[in-house]
C-alpha atoms as a PDB file:
ATOM      1  CA  GLN A   1     -33.989  -8.696   7.072  1.00  0.00           C
ATOM      2  CA  GLY A   2     -33.398  -5.833   4.979  1.00  0.00           C
ATOM      3  CA  GLY A   3     -34.469  -3.182   6.540  1.00  0.00           C
ATOM      4  CA  LYS A   4     -32.508  -4.274   9.903  1.00  0.00           C
ATOM      5  CA  GLY A   5     -29.259  -4.644   7.892  1.00  0.00           C
ATOM      6  CA  SER A   6     -29.873  -1.312   6.306  1.00  0.00           C
ATOM      7  CA  ALA A   7     -30.822   0.318   9.578  1.00  0.00           C
ATOM      8  CA  LEU A   8     -27.395  -1.724  10.948  1.00  0.00           C
ATOM      9  CA  ALA A   9     -25.129  -0.140   8.012  1.00  0.00           C
ATOM     10  CA  ALA A  10     -26.766   3.214   8.387  1.00  0.00           C
ATOM     11  CA  GLY A  11     -26.196   2.966  12.341  1.00  0.00           C
ATOM     12  CA  LEU A  12     -22.322   2.211  11.835  1.00  0.00           C
ATOM     13  CA  ARG A  13     -21.761   4.656   9.560  1.00  0.00           C
ATOM     14  CA  ALA A  14     -22.842   7.518  11.465  1.00  0.00           C
ATOM     15  CA  GLY A  15     -21.446   5.695  14.943  1.00  0.00           C
ATOM     16  CA  PRO A  16     -18.644   7.447  16.806  1.00  0.00           C
ATOM     17  CA  VAL A  17     -16.086   4.864  15.348  1.00  0.00           C
ATOM     18  CA  ALA A  18     -16.854   5.786  11.572  1.00  0.00           C
ATOM     19  CA  VAL A  19     -16.265   9.726  12.638  1.00  0.00           C
ATOM     20  CA  ALA A  20     -13.297   9.096  14.146  1.00  0.00           C
ATOM     21  CA  ALA A  21     -12.162   6.798  11.387  1.00  0.00           C
ATOM     22  CA  ARG A  22     -12.945   9.631   8.723  1.00  0.00           C
ATOM     23  CA  GLU A  23     -11.091  12.218  11.149  1.00  0.00           C
ATOM     24  CA  LEU A  24      -7.847   9.953  11.007  1.00  0.00           C
ATOM     25  CA  HIS A  25      -8.281   9.599   7.165  1.00  0.00           C
ATOM     26  CA  GLY A  26      -8.392  13.312   6.834  1.00  0.00           C
ATOM     27  CA  PHE A  27      -5.284  14.111   9.165  1.00  0.00           C
ATOM     28  CA  TYR A  28      -3.449  11.267   7.464  1.00  0.00           C
ATOM     29  CA  CYS A  29      -4.081  13.147   3.749  1.00  0.00           C
ATOM     30  CA  SER A  30      -2.911  16.217   5.187  1.00  0.00           C
ATOM     31  CA  LEU A  31       0.234  14.537   6.753  1.00  0.00           C
ATOM     32  CA  GLU A  32       0.968  12.590   3.301  1.00  0.00           C
ATOM     33  CA  THR A  33       0.298  15.470   1.006  1.00  0.00           C
ATOM     34  CA  PHE A  34       3.115  17.597   3.726  1.00  0.00           C
ATOM     35  CA  TYR A  35       5.602  14.711   3.151  1.00  0.00           C
ATOM     36  CA  MET A  36       5.396  14.469  -0.449  1.00  0.00           C
ATOM     37  CA  ASP A  37       6.155  18.136  -0.849  1.00  0.00           C
ATOM     38  CA  ARG A  38       8.788  18.336   1.620  1.00  0.00           C
ATOM     39  CA  SER A  39      10.120  15.389   0.109  1.00  0.00           C
ATOM     40  CA  VAL A  40      10.149  16.206  -3.104  1.00  0.00           C
ATOM     41  CA  ALA A  41      11.668  19.468  -2.505  1.00  0.00           C
ATOM     42  CA  LYS A  42      14.435  17.848  -0.740  1.00  0.00           C
ATOM     43  CA  ALA A  43      15.226  15.853  -3.718  1.00  0.00           C
ATOM     44  CA  ILE A  44      15.173  18.858  -6.209  1.00  0.00           C
ATOM     45  CA  ALA A  45      17.288  20.286  -3.518  1.00  0.00           C
ATOM     46  CA  ILE A  46      19.898  17.445  -3.576  1.00  0.00           C
ATOM     47  CA  ASP A  47      19.723  16.690  -7.197  1.00  0.00           C
ATOM     48  CA  GLY A  48      22.897  15.459  -9.270  1.00  0.00           C
ATOM     49  CA  ALA A  49      23.729  13.690 -12.125  1.00  0.00           C
ATOM     50  CA  ALA A  50      25.456  10.189 -11.969  1.00  0.00           C
ATOM     51  CA  PRO A  51      28.054   9.728 -14.550  1.00  0.00           C
ATOM     52  CA  GLY A  52      26.865   7.518 -17.458  1.00  0.00           C
ATOM     53  CA  SER A  53      23.254   7.973 -16.282  1.00  0.00           C
ATOM     54  CA  LEU A  54      20.650   9.312 -18.795  1.00  0.00           C
ATOM     55  CA  VAL A  55      18.291  10.703 -15.940  1.00  0.00           C
ATOM     56  CA  THR A  56      19.118  12.575 -12.536  1.00  0.00           C
ATOM     57  CA  SER A  57      18.859  11.629  -9.357  1.00  0.00           C
ATOM     58  CA  MET A  58      15.676  13.697  -8.725  1.00  0.00           C
ATOM     59  CA  VAL A  59      13.858  12.003 -11.195  1.00  0.00           C
ATOM     60  CA  ASP A  60      14.550   8.580  -9.675  1.00  0.00           C
ATOM     61  CA  ASP A  61      13.923  10.094  -6.205  1.00  0.00           C
ATOM     62  CA  CYS A  62      10.691  11.596  -6.743  1.00  0.00           C
ATOM     63  CA  PHE A  63       9.068   8.626  -8.454  1.00  0.00           C
ATOM     64  CA  TYR A  64      10.127   6.387  -5.902  1.00  0.00           C
ATOM     65  CA  LEU A  65       8.531   8.950  -3.475  1.00  0.00           C
ATOM     66  CA  LEU A  66       5.281   9.652  -5.082  1.00  0.00           C
ATOM     67  CA  LEU A  67       4.932   5.718  -5.701  1.00  0.00           C
ATOM     68  CA  LYS A  68       5.674   4.998  -1.913  1.00  0.00           C
ATOM     69  CA  CYS A  69       2.766   7.533  -0.753  1.00  0.00           C
ATOM     70  CA  SER A  70       0.525   6.425  -3.629  1.00  0.00           C
ATOM     71  CA  ARG A  71       0.712   2.438  -2.289  1.00  0.00           C
ATOM     72  CA  ARG A  72       0.485   4.143   1.537  1.00  0.00           C
ATOM     73  CA  ALA A  73      -2.808   5.637   0.366  1.00  0.00           C
ATOM     74  CA  ALA A  74      -4.070   2.517  -1.318  1.00  0.00           C
ATOM     75  CA  ALA A  75      -3.331   0.726   1.686  1.00  0.00           C
ATOM     76  CA  SER A  76      -5.560   3.146   3.671  1.00  0.00           C
ATOM     77  CA  ARG A  77      -8.624   1.599   1.635  1.00  0.00           C
ATOM     78  CA  ASN A  78     -10.105   4.922   1.713  1.00  0.00           C
ATOM     79  CA  ALA A  79     -11.160   5.852  -1.764  1.00  0.00           C
ATOM     80  CA  GLN A  80     -11.309   9.635  -1.112  1.00  0.00           C
ATOM     81  CA  CYS A  81      -8.036   9.526   0.851  1.00  0.00           C
ATOM     82  CA  LEU A  82      -6.644   7.560  -2.572  1.00  0.00           C
ATOM     83  CA  CYS A  83      -8.038  10.216  -4.852  1.00  0.00           C
ATOM     84  CA  ALA A  84      -6.461  13.220  -2.845  1.00  0.00           C
ATOM     85  CA  VAL A  85      -3.108  11.894  -2.717  1.00  0.00           C
ATOM     86  CA  LEU A  86      -3.431  10.900  -6.511  1.00  0.00           C
ATOM     87  CA  SER A  87      -4.139  14.176  -7.400  1.00  0.00           C
ATOM     88  CA  HIS A  88      -1.364  15.711  -5.321  1.00  0.00           C
ATOM     89  CA  ALA A  89       1.071  13.561  -6.842  1.00  0.00           C
ATOM     90  CA  ASN A  90       0.042  14.467 -10.214  1.00  0.00           C
ATOM     91  CA  GLN A  91      -0.209  18.288  -9.104  1.00  0.00           C
ATOM     92  CA  ILE A  92       3.733  17.742  -8.123  1.00  0.00           C
ATOM     93  CA  LEU A  93       4.292  16.216 -11.095  1.00  0.00           C
ATOM     94  CA  ALA A  94       3.058  18.431 -13.226  1.00  0.00           C
ATOM     95  CA  GLY A  95       4.209  21.634 -11.447  1.00  0.00           C
ATOM     96  CA  ASP A  96       7.296  20.923  -9.561  1.00  0.00           C
ATOM     97  CA  ILE A  97       9.295  18.751 -11.240  1.00  0.00           C
ATOM     98  CA  ARG A  98       9.022  20.607 -14.620  1.00  0.00           C
END
């Protein structure tokens, strides 16, 4: 029983559907990182201080965008994709927003 189950699992991982899913996740990660870059750049460009607020609109916009992107990556149920998106969000927070 165990031999058949492991052979079936290995066959599914190497099958055409699994290959197509991996390709789609790769494309998704590329699009998500591009979207994060462009959206954060736009948030920085339209930065403005609201009267009486302690933070600028850029801070709220950037954190909202990065949170939405991270949640979408988590919804993909692909650990590599989630790690790539979270790593890119960390790079944005460490570099662009400073």
